[in-house]
Amino acid sequence: VPKILLPILNIKKFRAGQLAGKEELLFNELHGERHIEEPHKHDFFSIVLFEKGKGKHTIDSIEYKIENSQVHLLFPGQLHKWDIKSGTIGYQLMAERTFFEQFAPYFRFSITDYQNHPVFQLTDVTFNSLLYEFKAVKEELQKTDAQNHIIYLRAAIIASMVSSEAEQLLSTLKAYESNPR
């Protein structure tokens, strides 16, 4: 059986179309339709906050419905493609691996847990708080004298907030896995 080599995209490929960014972190907005037909992998971490969402996001061959007030996590090496419908509004942070590793500890569960459950429905309060942080990162990235430590701390806050939202789902799943009755 011939082995299919899937493309691995580097963060540099996305720098041209970015709204704001620096070497290790990019901010982008998604408006309207986006299609990725061919599955591929990234060598960087990506987090997408969907304000309004319609479509499908396939991560590691599992299809997730894109809906309003969701967060989608994509870790380096995960396979993905998406079919985003018109009317979608989303915000995306793409972090180069070494920058991601600095705030990764703020994801309180193992990375494998998030890879297995990469999509979270958010409460309105959490969505609004995350949107505030995403926009604050964008504003900092757009400054000529952008402060790395402020960006890092905001990324850590985002990871912590996602972890809080994930806690209910992941702890319920862990309880079920250890006692499947």
N, C-alpha and C. Protein backbone atom coordinates (compact mmCIF):
# COMPACT_ATOMS: atom_id res chain seq x y z
N VAL A 1 0.85 -1.18 0.00
CA VAL A 1 0.00 0.00 0.00
C VAL A 1 0.89 1.24 0.00
N PRO A 2 0.75 2.12 -1.00
CA PRO A 2 1.60 3.31 -1.03
C PRO A 2 1.22 4.27 0.10
N LYS A 3 2.24 4.84 0.72
CA LYS A 3 2.01 5.77 1.81
C LYS A 3 1.75 7.16 1.22
N ILE A 4 0.66 7.78 1.66
CA ILE A 4 0.33 9.11 1.16
C ILE A 4 0.99 10.15 2.06
N LEU A 5 1.76 11.01 1.46
CA LEU A 5 2.40 12.08 2.22
C LEU A 5 1.49 13.30 2.21
N LEU A 6 1.07 13.72 3.39
CA LEU A 6 0.19 14.88 3.49
C LEU A 6 1.03 16.13 3.70
N PRO A 7 0.62 17.24 3.10
CA PRO A 7 1.40 18.46 3.27
C PRO A 7 1.37 18.96 4.72
N ILE A 8 2.51 19.44 5.18
CA ILE A 8 2.60 20.08 6.49
C ILE A 8 2.90 21.54 6.23
N LEU A 9 1.95 22.40 6.61
CA LEU A 9 2.09 23.83 6.34
C LEU A 9 2.79 24.54 7.49
N ASN A 10 3.71 25.41 7.12
CA ASN A 10 4.47 26.19 8.08
C ASN A 10 3.75 27.51 8.33
N ILE A 11 3.94 28.06 9.51
CA ILE A 11 3.28 29.33 9.86
C ILE A 11 3.68 30.46 8.90
N LYS A 12 4.88 30.37 8.32
CA LYS A 12 5.34 31.42 7.38
C LYS A 12 4.39 31.57 6.20
N LYS A 13 3.75 30.48 5.80
CA LYS A 13 2.84 30.50 4.66
C LYS A 13 1.65 31.43 4.91
N PHE A 14 1.31 31.66 6.18
CA PHE A 14 0.13 32.44 6.53
C PHE A 14 0.45 33.91 6.80
N ARG A 15 1.73 34.26 6.83
CA ARG A 15 2.10 35.64 7.19
C ARG A 15 1.59 36.67 6.21
N ALA A 16 1.55 36.32 4.93
CA ALA A 16 1.16 37.30 3.90
C ALA A 16 -0.27 37.80 4.12
N GLY A 17 -1.19 36.93 4.50
CA GLY A 17 -2.58 37.33 4.60
C GLY A 17 -3.01 37.76 6.00
N GLN A 18 -2.08 37.85 6.92
CA GLN A 18 -2.43 38.12 8.31
C GLN A 18 -2.94 39.54 8.51
N LEU A 19 -3.75 39.70 9.55
CA LEU A 19 -4.20 41.03 9.94
C LEU A 19 -3.19 41.68 10.87
N ALA A 20 -2.62 40.87 11.75
CA ALA A 20 -1.63 41.38 12.70
C ALA A 20 -0.75 40.22 13.10
N GLY A 21 0.50 40.52 13.42
CA GLY A 21 1.34 39.43 13.87
C GLY A 21 2.80 39.78 13.95
N LYS A 22 3.54 38.81 14.44
CA LYS A 22 4.98 38.88 14.49
C LYS A 22 5.49 37.48 14.18
N GLU A 23 6.78 37.29 14.31
CA GLU A 23 7.37 35.99 13.95
C GLU A 23 6.60 34.81 14.52
N GLU A 24 6.32 34.87 15.84
CA GLU A 24 5.83 33.67 16.51
C GLU A 24 4.32 33.60 16.71
N LEU A 25 3.61 34.66 16.37
CA LEU A 25 2.17 34.65 16.60
C LEU A 25 1.46 35.50 15.55
N LEU A 26 0.41 34.93 14.96
CA LEU A 26 -0.37 35.65 13.96
C LEU A 26 -1.83 35.73 14.42
N PHE A 27 -2.48 36.83 14.06
CA PHE A 27 -3.91 36.99 14.31
C PHE A 27 -4.58 37.13 12.96
N ASN A 28 -5.69 36.44 12.77
CA ASN A 28 -6.40 36.50 11.51
C ASN A 28 -7.90 36.50 11.79
N GLU A 29 -8.67 37.08 10.90
CA GLU A 29 -10.12 37.02 11.02
C GLU A 29 -10.68 36.22 9.85
N LEU A 30 -11.72 35.46 10.14
CA LEU A 30 -12.39 34.67 9.11
C LEU A 30 -13.76 35.30 8.88
N HIS A 31 -14.02 35.70 7.65
CA HIS A 31 -15.32 36.26 7.30
C HIS A 31 -15.84 35.53 6.07
N GLY A 32 -17.00 34.91 6.21
CA GLY A 32 -17.61 34.26 5.06
C GLY A 32 -17.01 32.90 4.75
N GLU A 33 -17.15 32.51 3.50
CA GLU A 33 -16.79 31.15 3.09
C GLU A 33 -15.29 30.92 3.07
N ARG A 34 -14.91 29.74 3.52
CA ARG A 34 -13.52 29.26 3.43
C ARG A 34 -13.59 27.76 3.16
N HIS A 35 -12.82 27.32 2.22
CA HIS A 35 -12.83 25.89 1.92
C HIS A 35 -11.41 25.36 1.86
N ILE A 36 -11.18 24.28 2.58
CA ILE A 36 -9.93 23.52 2.44
C ILE A 36 -10.39 22.13 2.04
N GLU A 37 -10.18 21.80 0.77
CA GLU A 37 -10.63 20.49 0.26
C GLU A 37 -9.67 19.38 0.70
N GLU A 38 -8.38 19.67 0.55
CA GLU A 38 -7.36 18.65 0.83
C GLU A 38 -6.92 18.72 2.28
N PRO A 39 -7.04 17.62 3.02
CA PRO A 39 -6.56 17.63 4.40
C PRO A 39 -5.06 17.91 4.44
N HIS A 40 -4.63 18.63 5.46
CA HIS A 40 -3.21 18.91 5.64
C HIS A 40 -2.94 19.08 7.13
N LYS A 41 -1.65 19.18 7.46
CA LYS A 41 -1.24 19.38 8.85
C LYS A 41 -0.54 20.72 8.95
N HIS A 42 -0.48 21.24 10.17
CA HIS A 42 0.27 22.46 10.44
C HIS A 42 1.45 22.10 11.36
N ASP A 43 2.50 22.91 11.30
CA ASP A 43 3.59 22.71 12.26
C ASP A 43 3.46 23.71 13.41
N PHE A 44 2.26 24.31 13.57
CA PHE A 44 2.03 25.31 14.60
C PHE A 44 0.68 25.06 15.26
N PHE A 45 0.43 25.75 16.38
CA PHE A 45 -0.82 25.66 17.12
C PHE A 45 -1.79 26.71 16.59
N SER A 46 -3.07 26.36 16.49
CA SER A 46 -4.08 27.30 16.04
C SER A 46 -5.31 27.19 16.93
N ILE A 47 -5.84 28.34 17.30
CA ILE A 47 -7.09 28.38 18.06
C ILE A 47 -8.03 29.32 17.32
N VAL A 48 -9.24 28.83 17.06
CA VAL A 48 -10.23 29.62 16.32
C VAL A 48 -11.43 29.85 17.22
N LEU A 49 -11.82 31.11 17.34
CA LEU A 49 -13.00 31.49 18.10
C LEU A 49 -14.07 31.87 17.08
N PHE A 50 -15.14 31.07 17.02
CA PHE A 50 -16.22 31.36 16.08
C PHE A 50 -17.30 32.18 16.79
N GLU A 51 -17.54 33.38 16.28
CA GLU A 51 -18.63 34.21 16.79
C GLU A 51 -19.93 33.75 16.16
N LYS A 52 -19.96 33.72 14.84
CA LYS A 52 -21.08 33.16 14.08
C LYS A 52 -20.48 32.05 13.24
N GLY A 53 -21.07 30.88 13.26
CA GLY A 53 -20.46 29.79 12.53
C GLY A 53 -21.44 28.86 11.87
N LYS A 54 -21.09 28.49 10.65
CA LYS A 54 -21.83 27.47 9.91
C LYS A 54 -20.82 26.71 9.08
N GLY A 55 -20.97 25.39 9.06
CA GLY A 55 -20.09 24.58 8.24
C GLY A 55 -19.59 23.37 9.00
N LYS A 56 -18.48 22.82 8.47
CA LYS A 56 -17.88 21.61 9.05
C LYS A 56 -16.37 21.81 9.16
N HIS A 57 -15.82 21.32 10.25
CA HIS A 57 -14.37 21.34 10.47
C HIS A 57 -13.97 19.91 10.79
N THR A 58 -13.16 19.32 9.93
CA THR A 58 -12.72 17.94 10.13
C THR A 58 -11.32 17.96 10.72
N ILE A 59 -11.18 17.38 11.91
CA ILE A 59 -9.90 17.31 12.61
C ILE A 59 -9.60 15.85 12.88
N ASP A 60 -8.44 15.39 12.40
CA ASP A 60 -8.04 13.98 12.55
C ASP A 60 -9.18 13.04 12.15
N SER A 61 -9.78 13.31 10.99
CA SER A 61 -10.83 12.49 10.37
C SER A 61 -12.16 12.49 11.11
N ILE A 62 -12.33 13.34 12.12
CA ILE A 62 -13.62 13.46 12.81
C ILE A 62 -14.22 14.79 12.42
N GLU A 63 -15.48 14.74 11.99
CA GLU A 63 -16.16 15.95 11.51
C GLU A 63 -16.90 16.64 12.66
N TYR A 64 -16.64 17.93 12.82
CA TYR A 64 -17.29 18.75 13.84
C TYR A 64 -18.13 19.81 13.15
N LYS A 65 -19.31 20.06 13.69
CA LYS A 65 -20.16 21.11 13.16
C LYS A 65 -19.65 22.44 13.69
N ILE A 66 -19.52 23.43 12.81
CA ILE A 66 -19.12 24.78 13.23
C ILE A 66 -20.39 25.53 13.60
N GLU A 67 -20.43 26.06 14.82
CA GLU A 67 -21.61 26.76 15.31
C GLU A 67 -21.19 28.06 15.99
N ASN A 68 -22.19 28.88 16.31
CA ASN A 68 -21.94 30.13 17.03
C ASN A 68 -21.30 29.86 18.39
N SER A 69 -20.47 30.77 18.85
CA SER A 69 -19.86 30.71 20.19
C SER A 69 -19.14 29.40 20.46
N GLN A 70 -18.23 29.06 19.57
CA GLN A 70 -17.41 27.87 19.75
C GLN A 70 -15.94 28.24 19.70
N VAL A 71 -15.13 27.37 20.31
CA VAL A 71 -13.69 27.47 20.15
C VAL A 71 -13.20 26.14 19.58
N HIS A 72 -12.30 26.21 18.60
CA HIS A 72 -11.71 25.02 17.96
C HIS A 72 -10.20 25.08 18.16
N LEU A 73 -9.64 23.98 18.65
CA LEU A 73 -8.20 23.90 18.89
C LEU A 73 -7.57 22.97 17.86
N LEU A 74 -6.42 23.38 17.36
CA LEU A 74 -5.69 22.55 16.38
C LEU A 74 -4.22 22.55 16.77
N PHE A 75 -3.72 21.39 17.14
CA PHE A 75 -2.34 21.26 17.62
C PHE A 75 -1.41 20.87 16.48
N PRO A 76 -0.12 21.17 16.64
CA PRO A 76 0.84 20.80 15.58
C PRO A 76 0.73 19.32 15.24
N GLY A 77 0.68 19.03 13.94
CA GLY A 77 0.64 17.64 13.48
C GLY A 77 -0.76 17.08 13.31
N GLN A 78 -1.79 17.79 13.76
CA GLN A 78 -3.15 17.28 13.56
C GLN A 78 -3.58 17.54 12.12
N LEU A 79 -4.32 16.60 11.58
CA LEU A 79 -4.81 16.68 10.21
C LEU A 79 -6.13 17.45 10.21
N HIS A 80 -6.27 18.43 9.29
CA HIS A 80 -7.55 19.13 9.26
C HIS A 80 -7.91 19.64 7.87
N LYS A 81 -9.21 19.87 7.71
CA LYS A 81 -9.77 20.55 6.54
C LYS A 81 -11.07 21.17 7.01
N TRP A 82 -11.56 22.17 6.30
CA TRP A 82 -12.85 22.72 6.68
C TRP A 82 -13.63 23.22 5.49
N ASP A 83 -14.95 23.32 5.74
CA ASP A 83 -15.88 23.86 4.76
C ASP A 83 -16.73 24.86 5.54
N ILE A 84 -16.31 26.12 5.49
CA ILE A 84 -16.97 27.18 6.25
C ILE A 84 -17.96 27.88 5.33
N LYS A 85 -19.19 28.02 5.80
CA LYS A 85 -20.26 28.62 5.00
C LYS A 85 -20.29 30.13 5.16
N SER A 86 -21.00 30.80 4.23
CA SER A 86 -21.11 32.26 4.28
C SER A 86 -21.83 32.68 5.56
N GLY A 87 -21.52 33.88 6.01
CA GLY A 87 -22.10 34.38 7.25
C GLY A 87 -21.25 34.08 8.47
N THR A 88 -20.21 33.29 8.29
CA THR A 88 -19.34 32.92 9.41
C THR A 88 -18.42 34.08 9.77
N ILE A 89 -18.26 34.28 11.07
CA ILE A 89 -17.29 35.26 11.58
C ILE A 89 -16.45 34.53 12.63
N GLY A 90 -15.14 34.56 12.45
CA GLY A 90 -14.26 33.89 13.40
C GLY A 90 -12.96 34.65 13.56
N TYR A 91 -12.26 34.32 14.63
CA TYR A 91 -10.98 34.96 14.96
C TYR A 91 -9.98 33.85 15.22
N GLN A 92 -8.80 33.98 14.65
CA GLN A 92 -7.83 32.89 14.71
C GLN A 92 -6.48 33.40 15.21
N LEU A 93 -5.92 32.66 16.17
CA LEU A 93 -4.55 32.90 16.60
C LEU A 93 -3.73 31.70 16.18
N MET A 94 -2.60 31.96 15.54
CA MET A 94 -1.69 30.90 15.11
C MET A 94 -0.36 31.13 15.81
N ALA A 95 0.05 30.16 16.62
CA ALA A 95 1.26 30.31 17.42
C ALA A 95 2.31 29.30 16.98
N GLU A 96 3.48 29.81 16.65
CA GLU A 96 4.63 28.98 16.30
C GLU A 96 4.92 28.07 17.51
N ARG A 97 5.43 26.89 17.25
CA ARG A 97 5.54 25.85 18.28
C ARG A 97 6.27 26.31 19.55
N THR A 98 7.40 27.00 19.43
CA THR A 98 8.14 27.38 20.64
C THR A 98 7.37 28.41 21.46
N PHE A 99 6.63 29.31 20.79
CA PHE A 99 5.80 30.27 21.53
C PHE A 99 4.64 29.53 22.20
N PHE A 100 4.04 28.59 21.49
CA PHE A 100 2.94 27.80 22.05
C PHE A 100 3.39 27.06 23.31
N GLU A 101 4.61 26.51 23.27
CA GLU A 101 5.11 25.73 24.42
C GLU A 101 5.23 26.59 25.68
N GLN A 102 5.36 27.91 25.52
CA GLN A 102 5.45 28.79 26.69
C GLN A 102 4.11 28.89 27.43
N PHE A 103 2.99 28.89 26.68
CA PHE A 103 1.69 29.01 27.37
C PHE A 103 0.92 27.69 27.43
N ALA A 104 1.46 26.63 26.84
CA ALA A 104 0.80 25.31 26.85
C ALA A 104 0.49 24.82 28.27
N PRO A 105 1.36 25.06 29.27
CA PRO A 105 1.03 24.58 30.62
C PRO A 105 -0.28 25.15 31.18
N TYR A 106 -0.77 26.25 30.60
CA TYR A 106 -2.03 26.83 31.08
C TYR A 106 -3.24 26.05 30.57
N PHE A 107 -3.04 25.15 29.63
CA PHE A 107 -4.07 24.17 29.29
C PHE A 107 -3.96 23.11 30.37
N ARG A 108 -4.94 23.05 31.27
CA ARG A 108 -4.77 22.24 32.49
C ARG A 108 -4.83 20.73 32.26
N PHE A 109 -5.41 20.30 31.16
CA PHE A 109 -5.48 18.87 30.88
C PHE A 109 -4.36 18.51 29.93
N SER A 110 -4.17 17.22 29.69
CA SER A 110 -3.10 16.82 28.77
C SER A 110 -3.48 17.26 27.35
N ILE A 111 -2.47 17.53 26.55
CA ILE A 111 -2.70 17.95 25.17
C ILE A 111 -3.51 16.87 24.44
N THR A 112 -3.28 15.61 24.77
CA THR A 112 -4.04 14.51 24.15
C THR A 112 -5.54 14.65 24.40
N ASP A 113 -5.91 15.07 25.62
CA ASP A 113 -7.33 15.29 25.92
C ASP A 113 -7.94 16.32 24.98
N TYR A 114 -7.21 17.41 24.76
CA TYR A 114 -7.71 18.46 23.86
C TYR A 114 -7.70 17.99 22.40
N GLN A 115 -6.69 17.20 22.04
CA GLN A 115 -6.66 16.68 20.66
C GLN A 115 -7.85 15.76 20.41
N ASN A 116 -8.25 15.00 21.42
CA ASN A 116 -9.40 14.10 21.29
C ASN A 116 -10.74 14.84 21.36
N HIS A 117 -10.73 16.03 21.96
CA HIS A 117 -11.96 16.84 22.11
C HIS A 117 -11.60 18.29 21.78
N PRO A 118 -11.40 18.59 20.50
CA PRO A 118 -10.85 19.90 20.12
C PRO A 118 -11.88 21.03 19.96
N VAL A 119 -13.16 20.73 20.14
CA VAL A 119 -14.20 21.74 19.91
C VAL A 119 -15.03 21.89 21.19
N PHE A 120 -15.20 23.15 21.61
CA PHE A 120 -15.97 23.43 22.82
C PHE A 120 -17.03 24.49 22.54
N GLN A 121 -18.24 24.18 22.99
CA GLN A 121 -19.31 25.17 22.95
C GLN A 121 -19.12 26.07 24.16
N LEU A 122 -19.21 27.39 23.96
CA LEU A 122 -18.92 28.33 25.03
C LEU A 122 -20.19 28.98 25.57
N THR A 123 -20.17 29.31 26.85
CA THR A 123 -21.24 30.14 27.40
C THR A 123 -21.04 31.55 26.84
N ASP A 124 -22.09 32.36 26.89
CA ASP A 124 -21.98 33.74 26.40
C ASP A 124 -20.91 34.51 27.16
N VAL A 125 -20.85 34.30 28.47
CA VAL A 125 -19.87 35.02 29.30
C VAL A 125 -18.45 34.66 28.86
N THR A 126 -18.17 33.36 28.71
CA THR A 126 -16.83 32.94 28.31
C THR A 126 -16.52 33.40 26.89
N PHE A 127 -17.50 33.30 25.99
CA PHE A 127 -17.27 33.76 24.62
C PHE A 127 -16.85 35.22 24.62
N ASN A 128 -17.62 36.06 25.33
CA ASN A 128 -17.32 37.50 25.34
C ASN A 128 -15.96 37.79 25.96
N SER A 129 -15.59 37.06 27.01
CA SER A 129 -14.28 37.24 27.63
C SER A 129 -13.16 36.82 26.68
N LEU A 130 -13.35 35.70 25.98
CA LEU A 130 -12.34 35.24 25.01
C LEU A 130 -12.22 36.23 23.86
N LEU A 131 -13.36 36.72 23.38
CA LEU A 131 -13.34 37.70 22.28
C LEU A 131 -12.55 38.94 22.70
N TYR A 132 -12.75 39.39 23.93
CA TYR A 132 -12.00 40.54 24.45
C TYR A 132 -10.50 40.26 24.40
N GLU A 133 -10.09 39.07 24.85
CA GLU A 133 -8.66 38.72 24.88
C GLU A 133 -8.09 38.60 23.46
N PHE A 134 -8.84 37.99 22.55
CA PHE A 134 -8.38 37.87 21.15
C PHE A 134 -8.14 39.25 20.57
N LYS A 135 -9.10 40.16 20.79
CA LYS A 135 -8.97 41.51 20.22
C LYS A 135 -7.83 42.28 20.89
N ALA A 136 -7.61 42.03 22.19
CA ALA A 136 -6.50 42.68 22.89
C ALA A 136 -5.15 42.18 22.34
N VAL A 137 -5.06 40.89 22.00
CA VAL A 137 -3.85 40.35 21.37
C VAL A 137 -3.64 41.02 20.01
N LYS A 138 -4.72 41.13 19.24
CA LYS A 138 -4.63 41.78 17.93
C LYS A 138 -4.11 43.21 18.07
N GLU A 139 -4.69 43.97 19.00
CA GLU A 139 -4.26 45.36 19.20
C GLU A 139 -2.79 45.44 19.60
N GLU A 140 -2.36 44.55 20.47
CA GLU A 140 -0.95 44.56 20.90
C GLU A 140 -0.03 44.22 19.73
N LEU A 141 -0.44 43.22 18.94
CA LEU A 141 0.37 42.82 17.78
C LEU A 141 0.51 43.93 16.75
N GLN A 142 -0.50 44.81 16.68
CA GLN A 142 -0.48 45.89 15.69
C GLN A 142 0.40 47.07 16.11
N LYS A 143 0.80 47.11 17.37
CA LYS A 143 1.64 48.21 17.84
C LYS A 143 3.06 48.06 17.29
N THR A 144 3.69 49.17 17.01
CA THR A 144 5.08 49.10 16.53
C THR A 144 6.01 48.62 17.64
N ASP A 145 5.64 48.92 18.89
CA ASP A 145 6.47 48.47 20.02
C ASP A 145 5.75 47.37 20.81
N ALA A 146 5.16 46.41 20.09
CA ALA A 146 4.40 45.32 20.73
C ALA A 146 5.24 44.65 21.83
N GLN A 147 4.60 44.45 22.97
CA GLN A 147 5.28 43.86 24.13
C GLN A 147 5.04 42.34 24.14
N ASN A 148 6.13 41.58 23.96
CA ASN A 148 6.01 40.12 23.95
C ASN A 148 5.40 39.57 25.22
N HIS A 149 5.79 40.11 26.38
CA HIS A 149 5.29 39.56 27.64
C HIS A 149 3.78 39.78 27.79
N ILE A 150 3.26 40.90 27.26
CA ILE A 150 1.81 41.14 27.32
C ILE A 150 1.09 40.12 26.43
N ILE A 151 1.63 39.88 25.25
CA ILE A 151 1.04 38.90 24.32
C ILE A 151 1.07 37.50 24.95
N TYR A 152 2.20 37.17 25.55
CA TYR A 152 2.35 35.86 26.21
C TYR A 152 1.32 35.71 27.33
N LEU A 153 1.18 36.75 28.17
CA LEU A 153 0.23 36.67 29.29
C LEU A 153 -1.21 36.56 28.79
N ARG A 154 -1.54 37.27 27.72
CA ARG A 154 -2.90 37.16 27.16
C ARG A 154 -3.12 35.75 26.59
N ALA A 155 -2.12 35.18 25.95
CA ALA A 155 -2.23 33.80 25.43
C ALA A 155 -2.44 32.83 26.59
N ALA A 156 -1.75 33.07 27.70
CA ALA A 156 -1.91 32.21 28.89
C ALA A 156 -3.33 32.35 29.45
N ILE A 157 -3.88 33.57 29.44
CA ILE A 157 -5.26 33.80 29.90
C ILE A 157 -6.23 33.04 29.00
N ILE A 158 -6.02 33.12 27.68
CA ILE A 158 -6.88 32.41 26.73
C ILE A 158 -6.84 30.91 27.01
N ALA A 159 -5.65 30.36 27.18
CA ALA A 159 -5.50 28.92 27.47
C ALA A 159 -6.22 28.56 28.78
N SER A 160 -6.09 29.40 29.79
CA SER A 160 -6.74 29.15 31.09
C SER A 160 -8.26 29.18 30.96
N MET A 161 -8.77 30.14 30.18
CA MET A 161 -10.22 30.25 30.00
C MET A 161 -10.77 29.05 29.23
N VAL A 162 -10.05 28.61 28.21
CA VAL A 162 -10.47 27.43 27.45
C VAL A 162 -10.46 26.21 28.38
N SER A 163 -9.45 26.11 29.23
CA SER A 163 -9.36 25.00 30.18
C SER A 163 -10.55 24.99 31.14
N SER A 164 -10.93 26.17 31.62
CA SER A 164 -12.09 26.24 32.52
C SER A 164 -13.34 25.75 31.82
N GLU A 165 -13.50 26.15 30.56
CA GLU A 165 -14.67 25.73 29.79
C GLU A 165 -14.61 24.23 29.51
N ALA A 166 -13.41 23.72 29.28
CA ALA A 166 -13.23 22.29 28.96
C ALA A 166 -13.40 21.40 30.19
N GLU A 167 -13.19 22.00 31.36
CA GLU A 167 -13.17 21.20 32.59
C GLU A 167 -14.42 20.36 32.78
N GLN A 168 -15.59 20.96 32.58
CA GLN A 168 -16.85 20.25 32.76
C GLN A 168 -16.92 19.04 31.82
N LEU A 169 -16.66 19.28 30.54
CA LEU A 169 -16.74 18.20 29.55
C LEU A 169 -15.70 17.12 29.81
N LEU A 170 -14.44 17.53 29.98
CA LEU A 170 -13.36 16.55 30.11
C LEU A 170 -13.46 15.77 31.42
N SER A 171 -13.84 16.42 32.54
CA SER A 171 -13.95 15.67 33.78
C SER A 171 -15.13 14.70 33.74
N THR A 172 -16.22 15.07 33.07
CA THR A 172 -17.36 14.16 32.89
C THR A 172 -16.92 12.95 32.07
N LEU A 173 -16.18 13.20 30.97
CA LEU A 173 -15.70 12.10 30.12
C LEU A 173 -14.74 11.20 30.88
N LYS A 174 -13.85 11.80 31.67
CA LYS A 174 -12.89 10.99 32.44
C LYS A 174 -13.62 10.13 33.48
N ALA A 175 -14.64 10.69 34.12
CA ALA A 175 -15.42 9.92 35.11
C ALA A 175 -16.11 8.76 34.42
N TYR A 176 -16.66 9.02 33.23
CA TYR A 176 -17.34 7.96 32.48
C TYR A 176 -16.35 6.88 32.04
N GLU A 177 -15.17 7.29 31.55
CA GLU A 177 -14.19 6.32 31.08
C GLU A 177 -13.71 5.42 32.21
N SER A 178 -13.61 5.97 33.42
CA SER A 178 -13.12 5.15 34.53
C SER A 178 -14.25 4.29 35.13
N ASN A 179 -15.51 4.64 34.84
CA ASN A 179 -16.64 3.87 35.35
C ASN A 179 -17.76 3.92 34.30
N PRO A 180 -17.64 3.12 33.23
CA PRO A 180 -18.53 3.27 32.07
C PRO A 180 -19.99 2.87 32.31
N ARG A 181 -20.37 2.44 33.50
CA ARG A 181 -21.76 2.10 33.71
C ARG A 181 -22.59 3.32 33.50
